[in-house]
N, C-alpha and C. Protein backbone atom coordinates (compact mmCIF):
# COMPACT_ATOMS: atom_id res chain seq x y z
N MET A 1 96.97 -28.85 -53.87
CA MET A 1 96.82 -28.17 -52.60
C MET A 1 97.80 -28.77 -51.60
N ARG A 2 98.37 -27.91 -50.81
CA ARG A 2 99.36 -28.34 -49.83
C ARG A 2 98.87 -27.96 -48.43
N PHE A 3 98.84 -28.95 -47.56
CA PHE A 3 98.45 -28.70 -46.18
C PHE A 3 99.70 -28.42 -45.36
N GLU A 4 99.58 -27.49 -44.47
CA GLU A 4 100.66 -27.22 -43.54
C GLU A 4 100.67 -28.33 -42.49
N ALA A 5 101.85 -28.82 -42.15
CA ALA A 5 101.98 -29.91 -41.20
C ALA A 5 101.32 -29.58 -39.86
N ASN A 6 101.39 -28.31 -39.45
CA ASN A 6 100.81 -27.95 -38.16
C ASN A 6 99.28 -27.95 -38.20
N HIS A 7 98.68 -28.06 -39.39
CA HIS A 7 97.23 -28.15 -39.49
C HIS A 7 96.74 -29.59 -39.60
N LEU A 8 97.63 -30.49 -40.00
CA LEU A 8 97.22 -31.88 -40.17
C LEU A 8 96.94 -32.57 -38.84
N ALA A 9 97.78 -32.37 -37.86
CA ALA A 9 97.58 -33.06 -36.57
C ALA A 9 96.23 -32.69 -35.95
N PRO A 10 95.86 -31.40 -35.87
CA PRO A 10 94.54 -31.09 -35.30
C PRO A 10 93.39 -31.67 -36.13
N LEU A 11 93.54 -31.67 -37.46
CA LEU A 11 92.48 -32.24 -38.31
C LEU A 11 92.34 -33.74 -38.04
N PHE A 12 93.46 -34.44 -37.93
CA PHE A 12 93.38 -35.88 -37.66
C PHE A 12 92.88 -36.15 -36.24
N ASN A 13 93.19 -35.28 -35.30
CA ASN A 13 92.63 -35.41 -33.95
C ASN A 13 91.11 -35.25 -34.00
N ALA A 14 90.64 -34.29 -34.79
CA ALA A 14 89.19 -34.10 -34.93
C ALA A 14 88.55 -35.31 -35.59
N LEU A 15 89.20 -35.87 -36.60
CA LEU A 15 88.68 -37.09 -37.25
C LEU A 15 88.61 -38.25 -36.26
N ALA A 16 89.65 -38.43 -35.48
CA ALA A 16 89.67 -39.53 -34.50
C ALA A 16 88.57 -39.33 -33.46
N PHE A 17 88.38 -38.09 -33.01
CA PHE A 17 87.33 -37.78 -32.04
C PHE A 17 85.96 -38.08 -32.63
N ALA A 18 85.72 -37.60 -33.85
CA ALA A 18 84.42 -37.84 -34.51
C ALA A 18 84.20 -39.33 -34.73
N ALA A 19 85.22 -40.04 -35.16
CA ALA A 19 85.08 -41.49 -35.40
C ALA A 19 84.72 -42.20 -34.10
N ASP A 20 85.35 -41.81 -33.01
CA ASP A 20 85.03 -42.42 -31.72
C ASP A 20 83.59 -42.10 -31.30
N LYS A 21 83.19 -40.86 -31.42
CA LYS A 21 81.84 -40.46 -31.00
C LYS A 21 80.76 -41.10 -31.86
N HIS A 22 81.02 -41.28 -33.15
CA HIS A 22 80.03 -41.85 -34.07
C HIS A 22 80.20 -43.36 -34.26
N ARG A 23 81.06 -44.00 -33.44
CA ARG A 23 81.48 -45.38 -33.70
C ARG A 23 80.33 -46.39 -33.78
N ASN A 24 79.25 -46.18 -33.08
CA ASN A 24 78.15 -47.15 -33.10
C ASN A 24 76.99 -46.69 -33.97
N GLN A 25 77.21 -45.67 -34.79
CA GLN A 25 76.15 -45.13 -35.63
C GLN A 25 76.36 -45.50 -37.09
N THR A 26 75.24 -45.64 -37.79
CA THR A 26 75.28 -45.85 -39.23
C THR A 26 74.38 -44.81 -39.89
N ARG A 27 74.57 -44.62 -41.18
CA ARG A 27 73.73 -43.71 -41.94
C ARG A 27 72.36 -44.35 -42.13
N LYS A 28 71.37 -43.52 -42.46
CA LYS A 28 70.00 -44.01 -42.63
C LYS A 28 69.79 -44.73 -43.95
N GLY A 29 70.74 -44.64 -44.87
CA GLY A 29 70.59 -45.26 -46.19
C GLY A 29 70.47 -46.77 -46.11
N ALA A 30 69.99 -47.34 -47.21
CA ALA A 30 69.78 -48.78 -47.28
C ALA A 30 71.08 -49.55 -47.04
N ASP A 31 72.22 -48.95 -47.40
CA ASP A 31 73.49 -49.65 -47.21
C ASP A 31 74.03 -49.52 -45.79
N ALA A 32 73.40 -48.68 -44.95
CA ALA A 32 73.78 -48.50 -43.54
C ALA A 32 75.29 -48.33 -43.37
N SER A 33 75.87 -47.44 -44.15
CA SER A 33 77.31 -47.22 -44.08
C SER A 33 77.69 -46.60 -42.73
N PRO A 34 78.93 -46.79 -42.29
CA PRO A 34 79.36 -46.21 -41.02
C PRO A 34 79.14 -44.69 -41.04
N TYR A 35 78.63 -44.15 -39.96
CA TYR A 35 78.28 -42.73 -39.93
C TYR A 35 79.48 -41.83 -40.22
N ILE A 36 80.66 -42.23 -39.76
CA ILE A 36 81.84 -41.38 -39.92
C ILE A 36 82.13 -41.08 -41.39
N ASN A 37 81.64 -41.92 -42.30
CA ASN A 37 81.83 -41.64 -43.72
C ASN A 37 81.21 -40.30 -44.11
N HIS A 38 80.13 -39.90 -43.45
CA HIS A 38 79.48 -38.64 -43.79
C HIS A 38 80.34 -37.43 -43.44
N PRO A 39 80.83 -37.27 -42.21
CA PRO A 39 81.71 -36.12 -41.94
C PRO A 39 82.97 -36.12 -42.79
N ILE A 40 83.50 -37.29 -43.09
CA ILE A 40 84.66 -37.37 -43.97
C ILE A 40 84.30 -36.86 -45.36
N GLU A 41 83.13 -37.24 -45.85
CA GLU A 41 82.68 -36.78 -47.16
C GLU A 41 82.46 -35.27 -47.17
N VAL A 42 81.92 -34.72 -46.10
CA VAL A 42 81.73 -33.27 -46.02
C VAL A 42 83.08 -32.56 -46.12
N ALA A 43 84.08 -33.05 -45.41
CA ALA A 43 85.42 -32.46 -45.50
C ALA A 43 86.01 -32.64 -46.90
N ARG A 44 85.80 -33.79 -47.50
CA ARG A 44 86.31 -34.04 -48.85
C ARG A 44 85.68 -33.06 -49.85
N VAL A 45 84.38 -32.85 -49.75
CA VAL A 45 83.70 -31.90 -50.63
C VAL A 45 84.32 -30.52 -50.48
N LEU A 46 84.54 -30.11 -49.24
CA LEU A 46 85.14 -28.79 -49.00
C LEU A 46 86.52 -28.68 -49.66
N ILE A 47 87.34 -29.70 -49.48
CA ILE A 47 88.71 -29.66 -50.01
C ILE A 47 88.72 -29.78 -51.53
N GLU A 48 88.10 -30.83 -52.06
CA GLU A 48 88.22 -31.13 -53.48
C GLU A 48 87.31 -30.30 -54.36
N GLU A 49 86.12 -30.00 -53.91
CA GLU A 49 85.18 -29.27 -54.75
C GLU A 49 85.12 -27.79 -54.43
N GLY A 50 85.44 -27.42 -53.20
CA GLY A 50 85.39 -26.03 -52.79
C GLY A 50 86.74 -25.38 -52.63
N SER A 51 87.81 -26.15 -52.78
CA SER A 51 89.18 -25.64 -52.60
C SER A 51 89.37 -24.96 -51.24
N VAL A 52 88.71 -25.50 -50.23
CA VAL A 52 88.80 -24.94 -48.88
C VAL A 52 90.00 -25.57 -48.18
N SER A 53 90.84 -24.73 -47.59
CA SER A 53 92.00 -25.24 -46.85
C SER A 53 92.04 -24.69 -45.43
N ASP A 54 91.05 -23.91 -45.05
CA ASP A 54 90.98 -23.34 -43.69
C ASP A 54 90.83 -24.48 -42.69
N PRO A 55 91.83 -24.68 -41.80
CA PRO A 55 91.75 -25.79 -40.86
C PRO A 55 90.55 -25.70 -39.92
N VAL A 56 90.10 -24.51 -39.59
CA VAL A 56 88.93 -24.38 -38.72
C VAL A 56 87.69 -24.93 -39.42
N VAL A 57 87.53 -24.60 -40.68
CA VAL A 57 86.39 -25.10 -41.46
C VAL A 57 86.45 -26.62 -41.59
N LEU A 58 87.63 -27.15 -41.90
CA LEU A 58 87.76 -28.59 -42.10
C LEU A 58 87.55 -29.36 -40.80
N MET A 59 88.06 -28.84 -39.69
CA MET A 59 87.83 -29.49 -38.41
C MET A 59 86.34 -29.43 -38.04
N ALA A 60 85.72 -28.28 -38.26
CA ALA A 60 84.29 -28.15 -37.97
C ALA A 60 83.48 -29.11 -38.86
N ALA A 61 83.94 -29.31 -40.08
CA ALA A 61 83.23 -30.23 -40.98
C ALA A 61 83.21 -31.65 -40.43
N VAL A 62 84.35 -32.13 -39.95
CA VAL A 62 84.37 -33.50 -39.44
C VAL A 62 83.68 -33.63 -38.08
N LEU A 63 83.53 -32.51 -37.40
CA LEU A 63 82.88 -32.51 -36.08
C LEU A 63 81.43 -32.03 -36.13
N HIS A 64 80.92 -31.67 -37.31
CA HIS A 64 79.67 -30.92 -37.39
C HIS A 64 78.45 -31.63 -36.80
N ASP A 65 78.44 -32.94 -36.72
CA ASP A 65 77.29 -33.66 -36.16
C ASP A 65 77.55 -34.22 -34.76
N THR A 66 78.70 -33.95 -34.18
CA THR A 66 79.02 -34.58 -32.90
C THR A 66 78.13 -34.08 -31.76
N ILE A 67 77.87 -32.79 -31.70
CA ILE A 67 77.02 -32.28 -30.61
C ILE A 67 75.57 -32.69 -30.85
N GLU A 68 75.16 -32.62 -32.10
CA GLU A 68 73.77 -32.91 -32.45
C GLU A 68 73.42 -34.40 -32.30
N ASP A 69 74.35 -35.27 -32.65
CA ASP A 69 74.02 -36.70 -32.77
C ASP A 69 74.79 -37.65 -31.87
N THR A 70 75.63 -37.10 -30.97
CA THR A 70 76.38 -37.98 -30.06
C THR A 70 76.34 -37.39 -28.65
N THR A 71 77.11 -37.96 -27.77
CA THR A 71 77.17 -37.46 -26.39
C THR A 71 78.15 -36.30 -26.24
N ALA A 72 78.79 -35.89 -27.31
CA ALA A 72 79.76 -34.79 -27.23
C ALA A 72 79.05 -33.50 -26.83
N THR A 73 79.76 -32.66 -26.10
CA THR A 73 79.21 -31.38 -25.67
C THR A 73 80.05 -30.23 -26.23
N ASP A 74 79.46 -29.04 -26.21
CA ASP A 74 80.22 -27.88 -26.65
C ASP A 74 81.41 -27.62 -25.73
N VAL A 75 81.25 -27.91 -24.46
CA VAL A 75 82.35 -27.72 -23.51
C VAL A 75 83.51 -28.65 -23.88
N GLU A 76 83.19 -29.89 -24.19
CA GLU A 76 84.21 -30.86 -24.58
C GLU A 76 84.91 -30.43 -25.87
N LEU A 77 84.15 -30.00 -26.87
CA LEU A 77 84.76 -29.55 -28.12
C LEU A 77 85.63 -28.32 -27.90
N ARG A 78 85.15 -27.38 -27.11
CA ARG A 78 85.90 -26.15 -26.85
C ARG A 78 87.24 -26.48 -26.19
N ALA A 79 87.23 -27.41 -25.24
CA ALA A 79 88.46 -27.79 -24.54
C ALA A 79 89.45 -28.49 -25.47
N ARG A 80 88.93 -29.30 -26.38
CA ARG A 80 89.81 -30.09 -27.25
C ARG A 80 90.21 -29.38 -28.54
N PHE A 81 89.29 -28.56 -29.08
CA PHE A 81 89.51 -28.01 -30.43
C PHE A 81 89.44 -26.49 -30.50
N GLY A 82 89.14 -25.85 -29.38
CA GLY A 82 89.14 -24.40 -29.35
C GLY A 82 87.81 -23.76 -29.67
N ALA A 83 87.74 -22.47 -29.38
CA ALA A 83 86.50 -21.71 -29.54
C ALA A 83 86.10 -21.54 -31.00
N GLU A 84 87.07 -21.29 -31.88
CA GLU A 84 86.72 -21.05 -33.29
C GLU A 84 86.01 -22.25 -33.90
N VAL A 85 86.58 -23.42 -33.73
CA VAL A 85 85.99 -24.64 -34.28
C VAL A 85 84.64 -24.91 -33.64
N THR A 86 84.58 -24.81 -32.33
CA THR A 86 83.34 -25.09 -31.61
C THR A 86 82.23 -24.12 -32.03
N ASP A 87 82.57 -22.87 -32.19
CA ASP A 87 81.55 -21.89 -32.59
C ASP A 87 80.96 -22.23 -33.95
N VAL A 88 81.78 -22.69 -34.89
CA VAL A 88 81.26 -23.09 -36.21
C VAL A 88 80.37 -24.32 -36.06
N VAL A 89 80.81 -25.29 -35.29
CA VAL A 89 79.99 -26.50 -35.06
C VAL A 89 78.64 -26.11 -34.46
N LEU A 90 78.66 -25.23 -33.47
CA LEU A 90 77.41 -24.81 -32.84
C LEU A 90 76.47 -24.10 -33.82
N GLU A 91 77.03 -23.34 -34.74
CA GLU A 91 76.20 -22.65 -35.72
C GLU A 91 75.43 -23.61 -36.62
N VAL A 92 76.01 -24.77 -36.90
CA VAL A 92 75.36 -25.72 -37.80
C VAL A 92 74.66 -26.86 -37.06
N THR A 93 74.59 -26.76 -35.75
CA THR A 93 73.96 -27.80 -34.93
C THR A 93 72.49 -27.48 -34.70
N ASP A 94 71.65 -28.46 -35.03
CA ASP A 94 70.21 -28.33 -34.76
C ASP A 94 69.93 -28.57 -33.29
N ASP A 95 68.90 -27.94 -32.79
CA ASP A 95 68.42 -28.15 -31.43
C ASP A 95 67.46 -29.34 -31.47
N LYS A 96 67.94 -30.49 -31.03
CA LYS A 96 67.15 -31.72 -31.10
C LYS A 96 65.94 -31.73 -30.16
N SER A 97 65.84 -30.73 -29.28
CA SER A 97 64.67 -30.67 -28.40
C SER A 97 63.45 -30.12 -29.16
N LEU A 98 63.68 -29.57 -30.35
CA LEU A 98 62.59 -29.03 -31.15
C LEU A 98 62.02 -30.10 -32.08
N GLU A 99 60.80 -29.90 -32.51
CA GLU A 99 60.19 -30.79 -33.50
C GLU A 99 60.98 -30.71 -34.80
N LYS A 100 60.98 -31.80 -35.55
CA LYS A 100 61.73 -31.85 -36.80
C LYS A 100 61.31 -30.74 -37.75
N SER A 101 60.03 -30.47 -37.85
CA SER A 101 59.55 -29.41 -38.76
C SER A 101 60.10 -28.05 -38.35
N ASP A 102 60.20 -27.81 -37.04
CA ASP A 102 60.76 -26.55 -36.56
C ASP A 102 62.26 -26.46 -36.85
N ARG A 103 62.96 -27.58 -36.68
CA ARG A 103 64.40 -27.59 -36.97
C ARG A 103 64.64 -27.29 -38.45
N LYS A 104 63.82 -27.88 -39.30
CA LYS A 104 63.98 -27.65 -40.74
C LYS A 104 63.67 -26.19 -41.10
N ARG A 105 62.64 -25.65 -40.53
CA ARG A 105 62.27 -24.25 -40.78
C ARG A 105 63.39 -23.32 -40.32
N LEU A 106 63.94 -23.61 -39.14
CA LEU A 106 65.00 -22.77 -38.60
C LEU A 106 66.28 -22.83 -39.44
N GLN A 107 66.57 -23.98 -40.03
CA GLN A 107 67.74 -24.06 -40.91
C GLN A 107 67.58 -23.10 -42.08
N VAL A 108 66.39 -23.05 -42.66
CA VAL A 108 66.13 -22.14 -43.78
C VAL A 108 66.26 -20.70 -43.30
N GLU A 109 65.65 -20.38 -42.16
CA GLU A 109 65.66 -19.01 -41.65
C GLU A 109 67.06 -18.55 -41.24
N HIS A 110 67.85 -19.44 -40.65
CA HIS A 110 69.17 -19.06 -40.12
C HIS A 110 70.27 -19.06 -41.18
N ALA A 111 70.08 -19.77 -42.28
CA ALA A 111 71.14 -19.91 -43.29
C ALA A 111 71.78 -18.59 -43.71
N PRO A 112 71.01 -17.56 -44.03
CA PRO A 112 71.65 -16.31 -44.48
C PRO A 112 72.47 -15.61 -43.40
N HIS A 113 72.25 -15.96 -42.15
CA HIS A 113 72.89 -15.26 -41.04
C HIS A 113 74.09 -16.00 -40.45
N LEU A 114 74.43 -17.16 -41.02
CA LEU A 114 75.58 -17.92 -40.54
C LEU A 114 76.88 -17.20 -40.88
N SER A 115 77.92 -17.49 -40.13
CA SER A 115 79.25 -16.98 -40.46
C SER A 115 79.69 -17.60 -41.78
N GLU A 116 80.68 -17.00 -42.42
CA GLU A 116 81.17 -17.54 -43.69
C GLU A 116 81.68 -18.97 -43.52
N ARG A 117 82.35 -19.25 -42.43
CA ARG A 117 82.86 -20.60 -42.19
C ARG A 117 81.71 -21.59 -42.04
N ALA A 118 80.71 -21.23 -41.27
CA ALA A 118 79.56 -22.12 -41.08
C ALA A 118 78.80 -22.33 -42.39
N LYS A 119 78.72 -21.30 -43.21
CA LYS A 119 78.06 -21.45 -44.51
C LYS A 119 78.77 -22.49 -45.37
N LEU A 120 80.10 -22.50 -45.33
CA LEU A 120 80.85 -23.50 -46.10
C LEU A 120 80.55 -24.91 -45.61
N VAL A 121 80.55 -25.10 -44.29
CA VAL A 121 80.25 -26.42 -43.74
C VAL A 121 78.82 -26.83 -44.10
N LYS A 122 77.88 -25.92 -43.97
CA LYS A 122 76.47 -26.22 -44.27
C LYS A 122 76.30 -26.56 -45.75
N LEU A 123 76.97 -25.82 -46.64
CA LEU A 123 76.90 -26.12 -48.07
C LEU A 123 77.41 -27.53 -48.36
N ALA A 124 78.58 -27.86 -47.84
CA ALA A 124 79.16 -29.18 -48.08
C ALA A 124 78.28 -30.28 -47.49
N ASP A 125 77.68 -30.02 -46.33
CA ASP A 125 76.79 -30.99 -45.70
C ASP A 125 75.57 -31.23 -46.59
N LYS A 126 74.98 -30.17 -47.13
CA LYS A 126 73.80 -30.34 -47.98
C LYS A 126 74.17 -31.05 -49.28
N ILE A 127 75.35 -30.76 -49.83
CA ILE A 127 75.80 -31.47 -51.03
C ILE A 127 75.89 -32.97 -50.74
N ALA A 128 76.56 -33.31 -49.65
CA ALA A 128 76.73 -34.73 -49.29
C ALA A 128 75.39 -35.40 -49.03
N ASN A 129 74.50 -34.71 -48.34
CA ASN A 129 73.19 -35.30 -48.01
C ASN A 129 72.33 -35.51 -49.25
N VAL A 130 72.30 -34.54 -50.14
CA VAL A 130 71.49 -34.68 -51.36
C VAL A 130 72.01 -35.85 -52.19
N ARG A 131 73.32 -35.96 -52.30
CA ARG A 131 73.90 -37.09 -53.04
C ARG A 131 73.54 -38.41 -52.38
N ASP A 132 73.58 -38.45 -51.05
CA ASP A 132 73.21 -39.67 -50.34
C ASP A 132 71.74 -40.02 -50.55
N VAL A 133 70.87 -39.03 -50.51
CA VAL A 133 69.43 -39.28 -50.72
C VAL A 133 69.21 -39.84 -52.13
N LEU A 134 69.99 -39.40 -53.07
CA LEU A 134 69.87 -39.90 -54.44
C LEU A 134 70.46 -41.30 -54.57
N ASP A 135 71.67 -41.50 -54.03
CA ASP A 135 72.40 -42.76 -54.23
C ASP A 135 71.98 -43.87 -53.28
N SER A 136 71.65 -43.52 -52.06
CA SER A 136 71.28 -44.52 -51.05
C SER A 136 70.26 -43.90 -50.09
N PRO A 137 69.02 -43.73 -50.59
CA PRO A 137 68.01 -43.05 -49.76
C PRO A 137 67.73 -43.81 -48.47
N PRO A 138 67.35 -43.06 -47.44
CA PRO A 138 66.98 -43.73 -46.19
C PRO A 138 65.88 -44.77 -46.44
N ARG A 139 65.98 -45.85 -45.70
CA ARG A 139 64.98 -46.92 -45.81
C ARG A 139 63.59 -46.35 -45.58
N GLY A 140 62.67 -46.71 -46.44
CA GLY A 140 61.28 -46.31 -46.27
C GLY A 140 60.94 -44.95 -46.85
N TRP A 141 61.92 -44.23 -47.39
CA TRP A 141 61.62 -42.91 -47.97
C TRP A 141 60.99 -43.10 -49.34
N SER A 142 59.80 -42.58 -49.51
CA SER A 142 59.11 -42.63 -50.79
C SER A 142 59.76 -41.64 -51.75
N LEU A 143 59.38 -41.75 -53.02
CA LEU A 143 59.86 -40.81 -54.02
C LEU A 143 59.46 -39.38 -53.63
N GLU A 144 58.25 -39.21 -53.15
CA GLU A 144 57.78 -37.90 -52.72
C GLU A 144 58.61 -37.36 -51.56
N ARG A 145 58.97 -38.18 -50.61
CA ARG A 145 59.78 -37.75 -49.47
C ARG A 145 61.17 -37.31 -49.93
N ARG A 146 61.74 -38.04 -50.89
CA ARG A 146 63.05 -37.67 -51.43
C ARG A 146 62.96 -36.33 -52.17
N ARG A 147 61.92 -36.15 -52.94
CA ARG A 147 61.73 -34.87 -53.65
C ARG A 147 61.60 -33.73 -52.64
N GLU A 148 60.83 -33.94 -51.59
CA GLU A 148 60.67 -32.91 -50.55
C GLU A 148 62.01 -32.55 -49.91
N TYR A 149 62.85 -33.56 -49.69
CA TYR A 149 64.16 -33.29 -49.12
C TYR A 149 64.98 -32.40 -50.05
N PHE A 150 64.98 -32.73 -51.34
CA PHE A 150 65.72 -31.92 -52.31
C PHE A 150 65.25 -30.48 -52.29
N GLU A 151 63.92 -30.28 -52.24
CA GLU A 151 63.38 -28.91 -52.26
C GLU A 151 63.74 -28.16 -50.98
N TRP A 152 63.67 -28.83 -49.85
CA TRP A 152 64.05 -28.19 -48.59
C TRP A 152 65.54 -27.85 -48.58
N ALA A 153 66.38 -28.79 -49.03
CA ALA A 153 67.83 -28.53 -49.07
C ALA A 153 68.13 -27.32 -49.96
N LYS A 154 67.41 -27.19 -51.07
CA LYS A 154 67.61 -26.04 -51.96
C LYS A 154 67.24 -24.74 -51.25
N GLN A 155 66.19 -24.75 -50.45
CA GLN A 155 65.81 -23.55 -49.70
C GLN A 155 66.92 -23.15 -48.73
N VAL A 156 67.52 -24.13 -48.07
CA VAL A 156 68.63 -23.85 -47.16
C VAL A 156 69.80 -23.27 -47.95
N VAL A 157 70.17 -23.94 -49.03
CA VAL A 157 71.32 -23.50 -49.83
C VAL A 157 71.08 -22.12 -50.44
N ASP A 158 69.86 -21.83 -50.83
CA ASP A 158 69.58 -20.50 -51.38
C ASP A 158 69.91 -19.41 -50.37
N GLY A 159 69.79 -19.70 -49.08
CA GLY A 159 70.16 -18.75 -48.05
C GLY A 159 71.65 -18.66 -47.80
N LEU A 160 72.41 -19.59 -48.36
CA LEU A 160 73.86 -19.63 -48.19
C LEU A 160 74.60 -19.03 -49.38
N ARG A 161 73.87 -18.70 -50.42
CA ARG A 161 74.50 -18.25 -51.68
C ARG A 161 75.38 -17.03 -51.44
N GLY A 162 76.50 -17.05 -52.16
CA GLY A 162 77.50 -16.01 -52.03
C GLY A 162 78.70 -16.46 -51.21
N ALA A 163 78.59 -17.60 -50.57
CA ALA A 163 79.69 -18.10 -49.73
C ALA A 163 80.78 -18.79 -50.55
N SER A 164 80.39 -19.54 -51.59
CA SER A 164 81.35 -20.27 -52.41
C SER A 164 80.70 -20.64 -53.74
N ALA A 165 81.13 -19.99 -54.80
CA ALA A 165 80.59 -20.28 -56.13
C ALA A 165 80.82 -21.75 -56.50
N ALA A 166 81.97 -22.27 -56.15
CA ALA A 166 82.29 -23.66 -56.50
C ALA A 166 81.36 -24.64 -55.78
N LEU A 167 81.16 -24.44 -54.49
CA LEU A 167 80.27 -25.34 -53.74
C LEU A 167 78.83 -25.17 -54.18
N GLU A 168 78.43 -23.95 -54.47
CA GLU A 168 77.06 -23.72 -54.95
C GLU A 168 76.85 -24.43 -56.28
N ALA A 169 77.86 -24.41 -57.16
CA ALA A 169 77.76 -25.12 -58.44
C ALA A 169 77.66 -26.63 -58.21
N SER A 170 78.40 -27.14 -57.24
CA SER A 170 78.31 -28.57 -56.91
C SER A 170 76.92 -28.92 -56.41
N PHE A 171 76.38 -28.06 -55.54
CA PHE A 171 75.01 -28.32 -55.07
C PHE A 171 74.03 -28.27 -56.23
N ASP A 172 74.14 -27.26 -57.07
CA ASP A 172 73.21 -27.12 -58.19
C ASP A 172 73.26 -28.34 -59.12
N ALA A 173 74.47 -28.86 -59.35
CA ALA A 173 74.60 -30.06 -60.18
C ALA A 173 73.94 -31.26 -59.51
N ALA A 174 74.11 -31.40 -58.20
CA ALA A 174 73.47 -32.51 -57.48
C ALA A 174 71.96 -32.32 -57.48
N TYR A 175 71.51 -31.10 -57.26
CA TYR A 175 70.07 -30.81 -57.24
C TYR A 175 69.43 -31.11 -58.58
N ALA A 176 70.16 -30.88 -59.66
CA ALA A 176 69.63 -31.13 -61.00
C ALA A 176 69.32 -32.61 -61.25
N THR A 177 69.87 -33.48 -60.37
CA THR A 177 69.64 -34.93 -60.52
C THR A 177 68.51 -35.41 -59.63
N LYS A 178 67.73 -34.48 -59.09
CA LYS A 178 66.67 -34.86 -58.14
C LYS A 178 65.76 -35.93 -58.72
N PRO A 179 65.24 -36.76 -57.86
CA PRO A 179 64.40 -37.87 -58.33
C PRO A 179 63.16 -37.36 -59.07
N ASP A 180 62.81 -38.06 -60.12
CA ASP A 180 61.62 -37.68 -60.90
C ASP A 180 60.40 -38.28 -60.29
């Protein structure tokens, strides 16, 4: 795959922005890896496993948690990265003012109605998260909690089907390794 030079600078700007915004955050896993590893992994999944080269999708992938989990705003993203990228980020952003159970329910309900670009980001995010839950589960998560996460993630992905056969196959392979 060959990236156009004019797409690399905006992607690296998005990476730098996300790294700055997530700089004091770590993942919930036992290894407490730097949070920025997650958006990078989502972009890697898109590129390597989904053959995605759309710069809007890749920029949205590295920025997908900035509004939800940092002080970044949609206004800030729109000014720096444009409406297309921001709109995709907003589509995959949970409303943190809602209860967690409501946010999870809404992800399942909204999945079939996302734009094609947002579906790709959401698929890659679920692939990365399921792998993380398997490889380095959040501290204190019981086997039952991990199983529940896998089942919920599958419900979300089932609503995304048709967006990318390659990413869906990657999710299905990860799902097949769910904890016993």
